[in-house]
Amino acid sequence: MALSVENHLKVRFSDDSGKTMDAICFRAFEGNLGQALTEHCGKKAHLLGKLDVNHWQGRKSPQLIIEDAAWPEEL
């Protein structure tokens, strides 16, 4: 799942066991990262970022603030 709002990209990723986590990439489309994340949707990725707590509509949930990404097939 990917959602672009203004210049930010919100995604949900999962591990091999199916556990999911939300992530956001601020200013994703100011460089190449937003486009790369969108093009590689559904593929395995190595994500670099900071863990944070998302406070939204009275709920708290973990989320990753994405700073960079790489794809195993391109390493």
C-alpha atoms as a PDB file:
ATOM      1  CA  MET A   1       0.000   0.000   0.000  1.00  0.00           C
ATOM      2  CA  ALA A   2       1.330   3.446  -0.876  1.00  0.00           C
ATOM      3  CA  LEU A   3      -0.340   6.807  -0.440  1.00  0.00           C
ATOM      4  CA  SER A   4       1.137  10.084  -1.602  1.00  0.00           C
ATOM      5  CA  VAL A   5      -0.025  13.246   0.153  1.00  0.00           C
ATOM      6  CA  GLU A   6       1.611  16.458  -1.033  1.00  0.00           C
ATOM      7  CA  ASN A   7       5.297  15.502  -1.119  1.00  0.00           C
ATOM      8  CA  HIS A   8       5.134  12.692   1.466  1.00  0.00           C
ATOM      9  CA  LEU A   9       4.749   8.962   0.891  1.00  0.00           C
ATOM     10  CA  LYS A  10       2.962   6.724   3.421  1.00  0.00           C
ATOM     11  CA  VAL A  11       3.529   2.978   3.041  1.00  0.00           C
ATOM     12  CA  ARG A  12       2.819  -0.257   4.894  1.00  0.00           C
ATOM     13  CA  PHE A  13       5.460  -2.947   4.739  1.00  0.00           C
ATOM     14  CA  SER A  14       5.567  -6.532   6.014  1.00  0.00           C
ATOM     15  CA  ASP A  15       8.155  -9.116   6.934  1.00  0.00           C
ATOM     16  CA  ASP A  16       8.264 -12.728   5.725  1.00  0.00           C
ATOM     17  CA  SER A  17       5.874 -13.803   8.502  1.00  0.00           C
ATOM     18  CA  GLY A  18       3.246 -11.270   7.410  1.00  0.00           C
ATOM     19  CA  LYS A  19       3.626  -8.816  10.318  1.00  0.00           C
ATOM     20  CA  THR A  20       3.049  -5.274   9.089  1.00  0.00           C
ATOM     21  CA  MET A  21       4.204  -1.810  10.074  1.00  0.00           C
ATOM     22  CA  ASP A  22       3.437   1.637   8.739  1.00  0.00           C
ATOM     23  CA  ALA A  23       6.146   3.932   7.449  1.00  0.00           C
ATOM     24  CA  ILE A  24       6.348   7.451   6.090  1.00  0.00           C
ATOM     25  CA  CYS A  25       8.888   9.177   3.895  1.00  0.00           C
ATOM     26  CA  PHE A  26       8.736  12.956   4.259  1.00  0.00           C
ATOM     27  CA  ARG A  27       9.598  15.043   1.180  1.00  0.00           C
ATOM     28  CA  ALA A  28       9.832  11.741  -0.719  1.00  0.00           C
ATOM     29  CA  PHE A  29       9.465  13.268  -4.160  1.00  0.00           C
ATOM     30  CA  GLU A  30      12.014  16.058  -3.733  1.00  0.00           C
ATOM     31  CA  GLY A  31      14.626  13.448  -4.693  1.00  0.00           C
ATOM     32  CA  ASN A  32      14.556   9.954  -6.209  1.00  0.00           C
ATOM     33  CA  LEU A  33      13.469   8.027  -3.097  1.00  0.00           C
ATOM     34  CA  GLY A  34       9.707   8.489  -3.497  1.00  0.00           C
ATOM     35  CA  GLN A  35       9.739   7.380  -7.109  1.00  0.00           C
ATOM     36  CA  ALA A  36      11.969   4.390  -6.290  1.00  0.00           C
ATOM     37  CA  LEU A  37       9.694   3.280  -3.425  1.00  0.00           C
ATOM     38  CA  THR A  38       6.659   3.586  -5.688  1.00  0.00           C
ATOM     39  CA  GLU A  39       8.284   1.623  -8.535  1.00  0.00           C
ATOM     40  CA  HIS A  40       9.464  -1.154  -6.204  1.00  0.00           C
ATOM     41  CA  CYS A  41       6.109  -1.564  -4.420  1.00  0.00           C
ATOM     42  CA  GLY A  42       5.678  -5.179  -3.308  1.00  0.00           C
ATOM     43  CA  LYS A  43       9.363  -6.102  -3.607  1.00  0.00           C
ATOM     44  CA  LYS A  44      11.742  -6.892  -0.767  1.00  0.00           C
ATOM     45  CA  ALA A  45      13.682  -3.851   0.409  1.00  0.00           C
ATOM     46  CA  HIS A  46      16.276  -2.799   2.941  1.00  0.00           C
ATOM     47  CA  LEU A  47      14.909   0.284   4.706  1.00  0.00           C
ATOM     48  CA  LEU A  48      16.914   2.804   6.698  1.00  0.00           C
ATOM     49  CA  GLY A  49      15.146   5.123   9.089  1.00  0.00           C
ATOM     50  CA  LYS A  50      14.104   5.995  12.608  1.00  0.00           C
ATOM     51  CA  LEU A  51      11.404   4.351  14.681  1.00  0.00           C
ATOM     52  CA  ASP A  52       8.755   6.752  15.894  1.00  0.00           C
ATOM     53  CA  VAL A  53       5.301   6.765  17.461  1.00  0.00           C
ATOM     54  CA  ASN A  54       2.503   8.023  15.214  1.00  0.00           C
ATOM     55  CA  HIS A  55      -0.220   9.899  17.119  1.00  0.00           C
ATOM     56  CA  TRP A  56      -3.345  10.013  14.956  1.00  0.00           C
ATOM     57  CA  GLN A  57      -6.973  10.494  15.991  1.00  0.00           C
ATOM     58  CA  GLY A  58      -6.250   9.582  19.613  1.00  0.00           C
ATOM     59  CA  ARG A  59      -4.389   6.376  18.745  1.00  0.00           C
ATOM     60  CA  LYS A  60      -0.698   5.581  18.984  1.00  0.00           C
ATOM     61  CA  SER A  61       1.081   3.189  16.644  1.00  0.00           C
ATOM     62  CA  PRO A  62       4.704   2.493  15.713  1.00  0.00           C
ATOM     63  CA  GLN A  63       5.943   3.788  12.409  1.00  0.00           C
ATOM     64  CA  LEU A  64       9.235   4.009  10.585  1.00  0.00           C
ATOM     65  CA  ILE A  65      10.426   7.375   9.284  1.00  0.00           C
ATOM     66  CA  ILE A  66      12.120   6.251   6.039  1.00  0.00           C
ATOM     67  CA  GLU A  67      15.388   7.988   5.210  1.00  0.00           C
ATOM     68  CA  ASP A  68      16.739   5.662   2.517  1.00  0.00           C
ATOM     69  CA  ALA A  69      16.115   2.305   0.848  1.00  0.00           C
ATOM     70  CA  ALA A  70      17.922  -0.303  -1.226  1.00  0.00           C
ATOM     71  CA  TRP A  71      16.675  -3.363  -3.072  1.00  0.00           C
ATOM     72  CA  PRO A  72      18.576  -6.675  -2.745  1.00  0.00           C
ATOM     73  CA  GLU A  73      18.485  -7.386  -6.485  1.00  0.00           C
ATOM     74  CA  GLU A  74      20.242  -4.060  -7.116  1.00  0.00           C
ATOM     75  CA  LEU A  75      23.017  -4.411  -4.509  1.00  0.00           C
END
